[in-house]
Amino acid sequence: MKTKTSRSLKVAAIGAATATLMTFGPGAATAHVTVTPDAPAEGASTQVTFRVPSESETATTTKIKVDLPTATPFASVRVKPVPGWTAEVVRGTLPQPVTVNGATITEAPLSVSWTANDPQSQLTIDQYQMFSVYVGRLPKAGTTVMLPVAQSYSDGTVRNWDDPVVEGQGEPEDPSPSFVTTAATSAQHGHASTAAANQDTETVASVNSETSAPGMIWAALAAGLLGLAAGIAALFRSGRTRKI
């Protein structure tokens, strides 16, 4: 009896788990907003793309708002248009002034948001959308760039993806989209050095051209004067020969 009862309980548990999986889908527990930078190198300007799934079975995603970093602010933010959505970048005063490359910054882009223009553009449970911005410049290597997201639904609820992700610990319930900047690559350094070298070469060539032009003019003038003197001398000798 105990064996039959134990087996019955196991079968019931498996059936409940299967029903839950079929109801919510295999990715329901792991689906969350993520961000991917094209090039996370220090000092670079890059495109960062947010992947936003919709998780509610009873409501649609109507708006996405991303809070931008204020301790290491972006100097510029450009939004890539998304059909059916209206984007807005909000600039404002930073909580504290920040010094970047010797300059003190008191204002910067604070947030960027996308709002669905109509119900057809809103995201349902089986949909996701990509939202991209081009930002710059990225802070020094090893900096964690957190980009918390507020996801608004048609029923008025808001899910905040703002829990910090700590290395070595389990993933939080609502992890904030984030990435870590890397060191600039040697190719980037080489490109900058080559560009600087080319600019120096062009500058030197320009200076040489400007300084050699007057020299060539004076050389041509001197040659002309010498030719004129030689011609006069020849004419003078010719006259003396005829008199004799």
C-alpha atoms as a PDB file:
ATOM      1  CA  MET A   1       0.000   0.000   0.000  1.00  0.00           C
ATOM      2  CA  LYS A   2       2.758   2.398   0.916  1.00  0.00           C
ATOM      3  CA  THR A   3       4.533   1.668  -2.346  1.00  0.00           C
ATOM      4  CA  LYS A   4       1.381   2.277  -4.377  1.00  0.00           C
ATOM      5  CA  THR A   5       0.667   5.474  -2.446  1.00  0.00           C
ATOM      6  CA  SER A   6       4.233   6.729  -2.943  1.00  0.00           C
ATOM      7  CA  ARG A   7       4.029   6.007  -6.667  1.00  0.00           C
ATOM      8  CA  SER A   8       0.699   7.778  -6.904  1.00  0.00           C
ATOM      9  CA  LEU A   9       2.142  10.872  -5.230  1.00  0.00           C
ATOM     10  CA  LYS A  10       5.103  10.900  -7.598  1.00  0.00           C
ATOM     11  CA  VAL A  11       2.837  10.595 -10.622  1.00  0.00           C
ATOM     12  CA  ALA A  12       0.660  13.423  -9.320  1.00  0.00           C
ATOM     13  CA  ALA A  13       3.731  15.632  -8.730  1.00  0.00           C
ATOM     14  CA  ILE A  14       5.052  14.975 -12.224  1.00  0.00           C
ATOM     15  CA  GLY A  15       1.639  15.719 -13.674  1.00  0.00           C
ATOM     16  CA  ALA A  16       1.430  19.018 -11.794  1.00  0.00           C
ATOM     17  CA  ALA A  17       4.912  20.019 -12.920  1.00  0.00           C
ATOM     18  CA  THR A  18       4.073  19.157 -16.514  1.00  0.00           C
ATOM     19  CA  ALA A  19       0.868  21.177 -16.356  1.00  0.00           C
ATOM     20  CA  THR A  20       2.764  24.156 -14.943  1.00  0.00           C
ATOM     21  CA  LEU A  21       5.392  23.917 -17.675  1.00  0.00           C
ATOM     22  CA  MET A  22       2.727  23.725 -20.376  1.00  0.00           C
ATOM     23  CA  THR A  23       0.883  26.689 -18.882  1.00  0.00           C
ATOM     24  CA  PHE A  24       3.784  29.096 -18.513  1.00  0.00           C
ATOM     25  CA  GLY A  25       6.111  27.793 -21.218  1.00  0.00           C
ATOM     26  CA  PRO A  26       9.689  26.467 -20.895  1.00  0.00           C
ATOM     27  CA  GLY A  27      11.252  29.945 -20.824  1.00  0.00           C
ATOM     28  CA  ALA A  28       8.836  31.613 -18.450  1.00  0.00           C
ATOM     29  CA  ALA A  29      11.054  31.193 -15.404  1.00  0.00           C
ATOM     30  CA  THR A  30      14.206  32.393 -17.152  1.00  0.00           C
ATOM     31  CA  ALA A  31      12.916  35.079 -19.529  1.00  0.00           C
ATOM     32  CA  HIS A  32      14.065  38.564 -18.569  1.00  0.00           C
ATOM     33  CA  VAL A  33      15.259  41.820 -20.074  1.00  0.00           C
ATOM     34  CA  THR A  34      18.884  41.681 -21.220  1.00  0.00           C
ATOM     35  CA  VAL A  35      21.340  44.114 -22.793  1.00  0.00           C
ATOM     36  CA  THR A  36      24.152  43.416 -25.250  1.00  0.00           C
ATOM     37  CA  PRO A  37      26.818  45.972 -26.271  1.00  0.00           C
ATOM     38  CA  ASP A  38      28.425  45.714 -29.695  1.00  0.00           C
ATOM     39  CA  ALA A  39      31.827  46.844 -28.370  1.00  0.00           C
ATOM     40  CA  PRO A  40      32.211  47.327 -24.583  1.00  0.00           C
ATOM     41  CA  ALA A  41      35.761  48.707 -24.784  1.00  0.00           C
ATOM     42  CA  GLU A  42      36.862  51.609 -22.591  1.00  0.00           C
ATOM     43  CA  GLY A  43      36.474  54.979 -24.289  1.00  0.00           C
ATOM     44  CA  ALA A  44      34.425  53.570 -27.156  1.00  0.00           C
ATOM     45  CA  SER A  45      31.079  54.696 -28.481  1.00  0.00           C
ATOM     46  CA  THR A  46      28.883  51.706 -29.164  1.00  0.00           C
ATOM     47  CA  GLN A  47      25.406  50.393 -29.834  1.00  0.00           C
ATOM     48  CA  VAL A  48      23.709  48.643 -26.907  1.00  0.00           C
ATOM     49  CA  THR A  49      20.632  46.540 -27.602  1.00  0.00           C
ATOM     50  CA  PHE A  50      17.912  45.544 -25.127  1.00  0.00           C
ATOM     51  CA  ARG A  51      15.978  42.320 -25.678  1.00  0.00           C
ATOM     52  CA  VAL A  52      12.572  42.727 -24.051  1.00  0.00           C
ATOM     53  CA  PRO A  53      10.187  39.756 -23.783  1.00  0.00           C
ATOM     54  CA  SER A  54       6.601  40.141 -22.576  1.00  0.00           C
ATOM     55  CA  GLU A  55       5.705  37.781 -19.718  1.00  0.00           C
ATOM     56  CA  SER A  56       2.165  38.624 -18.690  1.00  0.00           C
ATOM     57  CA  GLU A  57      -0.606  36.285 -19.864  1.00  0.00           C
ATOM     58  CA  THR A  58      -3.325  38.866 -19.264  1.00  0.00           C
ATOM     59  CA  ALA A  59      -1.698  42.152 -20.315  1.00  0.00           C
ATOM     60  CA  THR A  60       0.571  43.507 -23.038  1.00  0.00           C
ATOM     61  CA  THR A  61       3.832  45.453 -22.742  1.00  0.00           C
ATOM     62  CA  THR A  62       3.151  49.096 -23.550  1.00  0.00           C
ATOM     63  CA  LYS A  63       6.306  50.955 -22.489  1.00  0.00           C
ATOM     64  CA  ILE A  64       9.983  50.417 -21.711  1.00  0.00           C
ATOM     65  CA  LYS A  65      12.034  52.934 -19.730  1.00  0.00           C
ATOM     66  CA  VAL A  66      15.809  52.597 -19.246  1.00  0.00           C
ATOM     67  CA  ASP A  67      17.612  54.545 -16.521  1.00  0.00           C
ATOM     68  CA  LEU A  68      21.058  55.626 -17.723  1.00  0.00           C
ATOM     69  CA  PRO A  69      24.118  55.730 -15.431  1.00  0.00           C
ATOM     70  CA  THR A  70      24.782  58.966 -13.539  1.00  0.00           C
ATOM     71  CA  ALA A  71      28.100  58.110 -11.848  1.00  0.00           C
ATOM     72  CA  THR A  72      29.647  57.414 -15.266  1.00  0.00           C
ATOM     73  CA  PRO A  73      27.255  59.315 -17.553  1.00  0.00           C
ATOM     74  CA  PHE A  74      27.095  59.030 -21.323  1.00  0.00           C
ATOM     75  CA  ALA A  75      27.977  62.213 -23.157  1.00  0.00           C
ATOM     76  CA  SER A  76      25.542  61.377 -25.950  1.00  0.00           C
ATOM     77  CA  VAL A  77      22.657  58.996 -26.605  1.00  0.00           C
ATOM     78  CA  ARG A  78      21.062  58.343 -29.993  1.00  0.00           C
ATOM     79  CA  VAL A  79      17.988  56.165 -30.393  1.00  0.00           C
ATOM     80  CA  LYS A  80      17.428  53.679 -33.200  1.00  0.00           C
ATOM     81  CA  PRO A  81      13.815  54.006 -34.441  1.00  0.00           C
ATOM     82  CA  VAL A  82      11.485  51.060 -33.801  1.00  0.00           C
ATOM     83  CA  PRO A  83       8.401  50.867 -36.032  1.00  0.00           C
ATOM     84  CA  GLY A  84       5.231  51.351 -33.986  1.00  0.00           C
ATOM     85  CA  TRP A  85       7.058  52.826 -30.984  1.00  0.00           C
ATOM     86  CA  THR A  86       7.885  56.419 -29.992  1.00  0.00           C
ATOM     87  CA  ALA A  87      11.252  57.024 -28.341  1.00  0.00           C
ATOM     88  CA  GLU A  88      12.224  59.810 -25.955  1.00  0.00           C
ATOM     89  CA  VAL A  89      15.575  60.737 -24.400  1.00  0.00           C
ATOM     90  CA  VAL A  90      15.377  62.792 -21.209  1.00  0.00           C
ATOM     91  CA  ARG A  91      18.318  64.987 -20.217  1.00  0.00           C
ATOM     92  CA  GLY A  92      18.728  66.552 -16.797  1.00  0.00           C
ATOM     93  CA  THR A  93      20.981  67.545 -13.924  1.00  0.00           C
ATOM     94  CA  LEU A  94      23.194  64.833 -12.481  1.00  0.00           C
ATOM     95  CA  PRO A  95      22.911  64.054  -8.734  1.00  0.00           C
ATOM     96  CA  GLN A  96      26.553  65.107  -8.403  1.00  0.00           C
ATOM     97  CA  PRO A  97      28.952  66.765 -10.854  1.00  0.00           C
ATOM     98  CA  VAL A  98      31.241  64.309 -12.617  1.00  0.00           C
ATOM     99  CA  THR A  99      34.722  65.017 -13.966  1.00  0.00           C
ATOM    100  CA  VAL A 100      35.474  63.427 -17.341  1.00  0.00           C
ATOM    101  CA  ASN A 101      38.827  64.054 -19.055  1.00  0.00           C
ATOM    102  CA  GLY A 102      39.371  67.155 -16.947  1.00  0.00           C
ATOM    103  CA  ALA A 103      35.944  68.648 -17.692  1.00  0.00           C
ATOM    104  CA  THR A 104      33.187  68.924 -15.099  1.00  0.00           C
ATOM    105  CA  ILE A 105      29.814  67.619 -16.288  1.00  0.00           C
ATOM    106  CA  THR A 106      26.624  68.646 -14.479  1.00  0.00           C
ATOM    107  CA  GLU A 107      24.033  67.547 -17.077  1.00  0.00           C
ATOM    108  CA  ALA A 108      23.674  64.376 -19.140  1.00  0.00           C
ATOM    109  CA  PRO A 109      21.076  62.002 -20.637  1.00  0.00           C
ATOM    110  CA  LEU A 110      19.235  60.435 -17.682  1.00  0.00           C
ATOM    111  CA  SER A 111      16.810  58.026 -19.333  1.00  0.00           C
ATOM    112  CA  VAL A 112      15.479  56.723 -22.616  1.00  0.00           C
ATOM    113  CA  SER A 113      12.030  55.263 -23.148  1.00  0.00           C
ATOM    114  CA  TRP A 114       9.951  53.625 -25.872  1.00  0.00           C
ATOM    115  CA  THR A 115       6.144  53.754 -25.878  1.00  0.00           C
ATOM    116  CA  ALA A 116       3.897  51.682 -28.159  1.00  0.00           C
ATOM    117  CA  ASN A 117       1.864  53.886 -30.482  1.00  0.00           C
ATOM    118  CA  ASP A 118      -1.155  51.550 -30.657  1.00  0.00           C
ATOM    119  CA  PRO A 119      -2.384  48.168 -29.364  1.00  0.00           C
ATOM    120  CA  GLN A 120      -1.060  46.416 -32.478  1.00  0.00           C
ATOM    121  CA  SER A 121       2.487  47.398 -31.525  1.00  0.00           C
ATOM    122  CA  GLN A 122       2.210  46.247 -27.897  1.00  0.00           C
ATOM    123  CA  LEU A 123       3.955  42.996 -26.965  1.00  0.00           C
ATOM    124  CA  THR A 124       1.984  39.884 -26.046  1.00  0.00           C
ATOM    125  CA  ILE A 125       3.106  36.838 -24.050  1.00  0.00           C
ATOM    126  CA  ASP A 126       4.595  35.136 -27.105  1.00  0.00           C
ATOM    127  CA  GLN A 127       6.496  38.189 -28.421  1.00  0.00           C
ATOM    128  CA  TYR A 128       9.666  40.185 -27.766  1.00  0.00           C
ATOM    129  CA  GLN A 129      11.221  43.338 -29.208  1.00  0.00           C
ATOM    130  CA  MET A 130      14.746  44.730 -29.644  1.00  0.00           C
ATOM    131  CA  PHE A 131      15.445  48.329 -28.615  1.00  0.00           C
ATOM    132  CA  SER A 132      18.824  49.899 -29.455  1.00  0.00           C
ATOM    133  CA  VAL A 133      20.697  53.075 -28.548  1.00  0.00           C
ATOM    134  CA  TYR A 134      24.101  54.367 -29.598  1.00  0.00           C
ATOM    135  CA  VAL A 135      25.965  55.719 -26.562  1.00  0.00           C
ATOM    136  CA  GLY A 136      29.378  57.136 -25.762  1.00  0.00           C
ATOM    137  CA  ARG A 137      31.812  57.191 -24.371  1.00  0.00           C
ATOM    138  CA  LEU A 138      32.132  54.103 -22.193  1.00  0.00           C
ATOM    139  CA  PRO A 139      33.890  54.397 -18.795  1.00  0.00           C
ATOM    140  CA  LYS A 140      37.221  52.819 -17.856  1.00  0.00           C
ATOM    141  CA  ALA A 141      37.784  49.090 -18.171  1.00  0.00           C
ATOM    142  CA  GLY A 142      36.261  46.960 -15.426  1.00  0.00           C
ATOM    143  CA  THR A 143      33.285  49.261 -14.817  1.00  0.00           C
ATOM    144  CA  THR A 144      29.890  47.589 -14.462  1.00  0.00           C
ATOM    145  CA  VAL A 145      27.384  49.609 -16.464  1.00  0.00           C
ATOM    146  CA  MET A 146      23.928  48.987 -14.943  1.00  0.00           C
ATOM    147  CA  LEU A 147      20.902  49.922 -17.034  1.00  0.00           C
ATOM    148  CA  PRO A 148      17.739  49.293 -14.938  1.00  0.00           C
ATOM    149  CA  VAL A 149      14.549  48.843 -16.935  1.00  0.00           C
ATOM    150  CA  ALA A 150      10.924  49.557 -15.988  1.00  0.00           C
ATOM    151  CA  GLN A 151       8.512  47.455 -18.080  1.00  0.00           C
ATOM    152  CA  SER A 152       4.940  48.785 -18.102  1.00  0.00           C
ATOM    153  CA  TYR A 153       1.891  46.661 -18.934  1.00  0.00           C
ATOM    154  CA  SER A 154      -1.558  47.529 -20.255  1.00  0.00           C
ATOM    155  CA  ASP A 155      -3.195  46.639 -16.927  1.00  0.00           C
ATOM    156  CA  GLY A 156      -1.206  49.344 -15.128  1.00  0.00           C
ATOM    157  CA  THR A 157       1.386  47.049 -13.547  1.00  0.00           C
ATOM    158  CA  VAL A 158       5.106  47.777 -13.813  1.00  0.00           C
ATOM    159  CA  ARG A 159       7.921  45.271 -13.480  1.00  0.00           C
ATOM    160  CA  ASN A 160      11.235  46.806 -12.465  1.00  0.00           C
ATOM    161  CA  TRP A 161      14.324  44.988 -13.676  1.00  0.00           C
ATOM    162  CA  ASP A 162      16.715  46.654 -11.215  1.00  0.00           C
ATOM    163  CA  ASP A 163      18.277  44.029  -8.941  1.00  0.00           C
ATOM    164  CA  PRO A 164      22.093  44.162  -9.115  1.00  0.00           C
ATOM    165  CA  VAL A 165      23.811  41.021 -10.330  1.00  0.00           C
ATOM    166  CA  VAL A 166      26.642  40.017  -7.987  1.00  0.00           C
ATOM    167  CA  GLU A 167      29.346  37.717  -9.306  1.00  0.00           C
ATOM    168  CA  GLY A 168      29.445  34.411  -7.484  1.00  0.00           C
ATOM    169  CA  GLN A 169      25.856  34.670  -6.305  1.00  0.00           C
ATOM    170  CA  GLY A 170      22.699  33.307  -7.842  1.00  0.00           C
ATOM    171  CA  GLU A 171      20.709  35.364 -10.298  1.00  0.00           C
ATOM    172  CA  PRO A 172      18.214  37.661  -8.553  1.00  0.00           C
ATOM    173  CA  GLU A 173      14.513  37.570  -9.324  1.00  0.00           C
ATOM    174  CA  ASP A 174      14.549  40.783 -11.369  1.00  0.00           C
ATOM    175  CA  PRO A 175      18.142  41.204 -12.605  1.00  0.00           C
ATOM    176  CA  SER A 176      19.126  44.594 -13.957  1.00  0.00           C
ATOM    177  CA  PRO A 177      20.501  44.535 -17.507  1.00  0.00           C
ATOM    178  CA  SER A 178      24.214  45.284 -17.260  1.00  0.00           C
ATOM    179  CA  PHE A 179      27.613  44.725 -18.847  1.00  0.00           C
ATOM    180  CA  VAL A 180      31.260  45.220 -17.868  1.00  0.00           C
ATOM    181  CA  THR A 181      33.576  47.422 -19.913  1.00  0.00           C
ATOM    182  CA  THR A 182      36.792  45.941 -21.246  1.00  0.00           C
ATOM    183  CA  ALA A 183      40.244  47.302 -22.012  1.00  0.00           C
ATOM    184  CA  ALA A 184      40.761  48.974 -25.365  1.00  0.00           C
ATOM    185  CA  THR A 185      42.196  46.462 -27.854  1.00  0.00           C
ATOM    186  CA  SER A 186      45.605  46.795 -29.468  1.00  0.00           C
ATOM    187  CA  ALA A 187      43.863  47.199 -32.823  1.00  0.00           C
ATOM    188  CA  GLN A 188      42.065  50.252 -31.502  1.00  0.00           C
ATOM    189  CA  HIS A 189      45.337  51.681 -30.177  1.00  0.00           C
ATOM    190  CA  GLY A 190      47.026  50.876 -33.489  1.00  0.00           C
ATOM    191  CA  HIS A 191      44.266  52.555 -35.455  1.00  0.00           C
ATOM    192  CA  ALA A 192      44.586  55.687 -33.341  1.00  0.00           C
ATOM    193  CA  SER A 193      48.379  55.681 -33.661  1.00  0.00           C
ATOM    194  CA  THR A 194      48.178  55.205 -37.427  1.00  0.00           C
ATOM    195  CA  ALA A 195      45.710  58.028 -37.760  1.00  0.00           C
ATOM    196  CA  ALA A 196      47.948  60.290 -35.696  1.00  0.00           C
ATOM    197  CA  ALA A 197      50.994  59.274 -37.727  1.00  0.00           C
ATOM    198  CA  ASN A 198      49.175  59.948 -40.985  1.00  0.00           C
ATOM    199  CA  GLN A 199      48.120  63.344 -39.708  1.00  0.00           C
ATOM    200  CA  ASP A 200      51.713  64.129 -38.706  1.00  0.00           C
ATOM    201  CA  THR A 201      52.964  63.005 -42.114  1.00  0.00           C
ATOM    202  CA  GLU A 202      50.450  65.196 -43.873  1.00  0.00           C
ATOM    203  CA  THR A 203      51.441  68.116 -41.661  1.00  0.00           C
ATOM    204  CA  VAL A 204      55.160  67.624 -42.376  1.00  0.00           C
ATOM    205  CA  ALA A 205      54.511  67.311 -46.113  1.00  0.00           C
ATOM    206  CA  SER A 206      52.466  70.485 -46.029  1.00  0.00           C
ATOM    207  CA  VAL A 207      55.187  72.362 -44.152  1.00  0.00           C
ATOM    208  CA  ASN A 208      57.886  71.074 -46.538  1.00  0.00           C
ATOM    209  CA  SER A 209      55.797  72.124 -49.512  1.00  0.00           C
ATOM    210  CA  GLU A 210      55.235  75.585 -48.106  1.00  0.00           C
ATOM    211  CA  THR A 211      58.889  76.090 -47.192  1.00  0.00           C
ATOM    212  CA  SER A 212      60.293  74.661 -50.466  1.00  0.00           C
ATOM    213  CA  ALA A 213      58.145  76.781 -52.752  1.00  0.00           C
ATOM    214  CA  PRO A 214      59.910  80.099 -51.949  1.00  0.00           C
ATOM    215  CA  GLY A 215      63.289  78.364 -52.280  1.00  0.00           C
ATOM    216  CA  MET A 216      62.426  77.159 -55.754  1.00  0.00           C
ATOM    217  CA  ILE A 217      61.317  80.663 -56.752  1.00  0.00           C
ATOM    218  CA  TRP A 218      64.587  82.226 -55.551  1.00  0.00           C
ATOM    219  CA  ALA A 219      66.591  79.499 -57.303  1.00  0.00           C
ATOM    220  CA  ALA A 220      64.788  80.155 -60.583  1.00  0.00           C
ATOM    221  CA  LEU A 221      65.312  83.911 -60.212  1.00  0.00           C
ATOM    222  CA  ALA A 222      69.028  83.452 -59.554  1.00  0.00           C
ATOM    223  CA  ALA A 223      69.333  81.198 -62.595  1.00  0.00           C
ATOM    224  CA  GLY A 224      67.569  83.829 -64.723  1.00  0.00           C
ATOM    225  CA  LEU A 225      69.912  86.574 -63.525  1.00  0.00           C
ATOM    226  CA  LEU A 226      72.957  84.444 -64.247  1.00  0.00           C
ATOM    227  CA  GLY A 227      71.642  83.724 -67.758  1.00  0.00           C
ATOM    228  CA  LEU A 228      71.017  87.422 -68.358  1.00  0.00           C
ATOM    229  CA  ALA A 229      74.542  88.297 -67.190  1.00  0.00           C
ATOM    230  CA  ALA A 230      76.010  85.654 -69.470  1.00  0.00           C
ATOM    231  CA  GLY A 231      74.042  86.989 -72.414  1.00  0.00           C
ATOM    232  CA  ILE A 232      75.219  90.591 -71.811  1.00  0.00           C
ATOM    233  CA  ALA A 233      78.826  89.418 -71.507  1.00  0.00           C
ATOM    234  CA  ALA A 234      78.566  87.523 -74.787  1.00  0.00           C
ATOM    235  CA  LEU A 235      77.084  90.534 -76.542  1.00  0.00           C
ATOM    236  CA  PHE A 236      79.852  92.778 -75.190  1.00  0.00           C
ATOM    237  CA  ARG A 237      82.555  90.386 -76.430  1.00  0.00           C
ATOM    238  CA  SER A 238      80.894  90.213 -79.849  1.00  0.00           C
ATOM    239  CA  GLY A 239      80.984  94.030 -80.188  1.00  0.00           C
ATOM    240  CA  ARG A 240      84.638  94.216 -79.264  1.00  0.00           C
ATOM    241  CA  THR A 241      85.514  91.557 -81.850  1.00  0.00           C
ATOM    242  CA  ARG A 242      83.849  93.485 -84.671  1.00  0.00           C
ATOM    243  CA  LYS A 243      85.718  96.711 -83.832  1.00  0.00           C
ATOM    244  CA  ILE A 244      89.057  94.958 -84.099  1.00  0.00           C
END
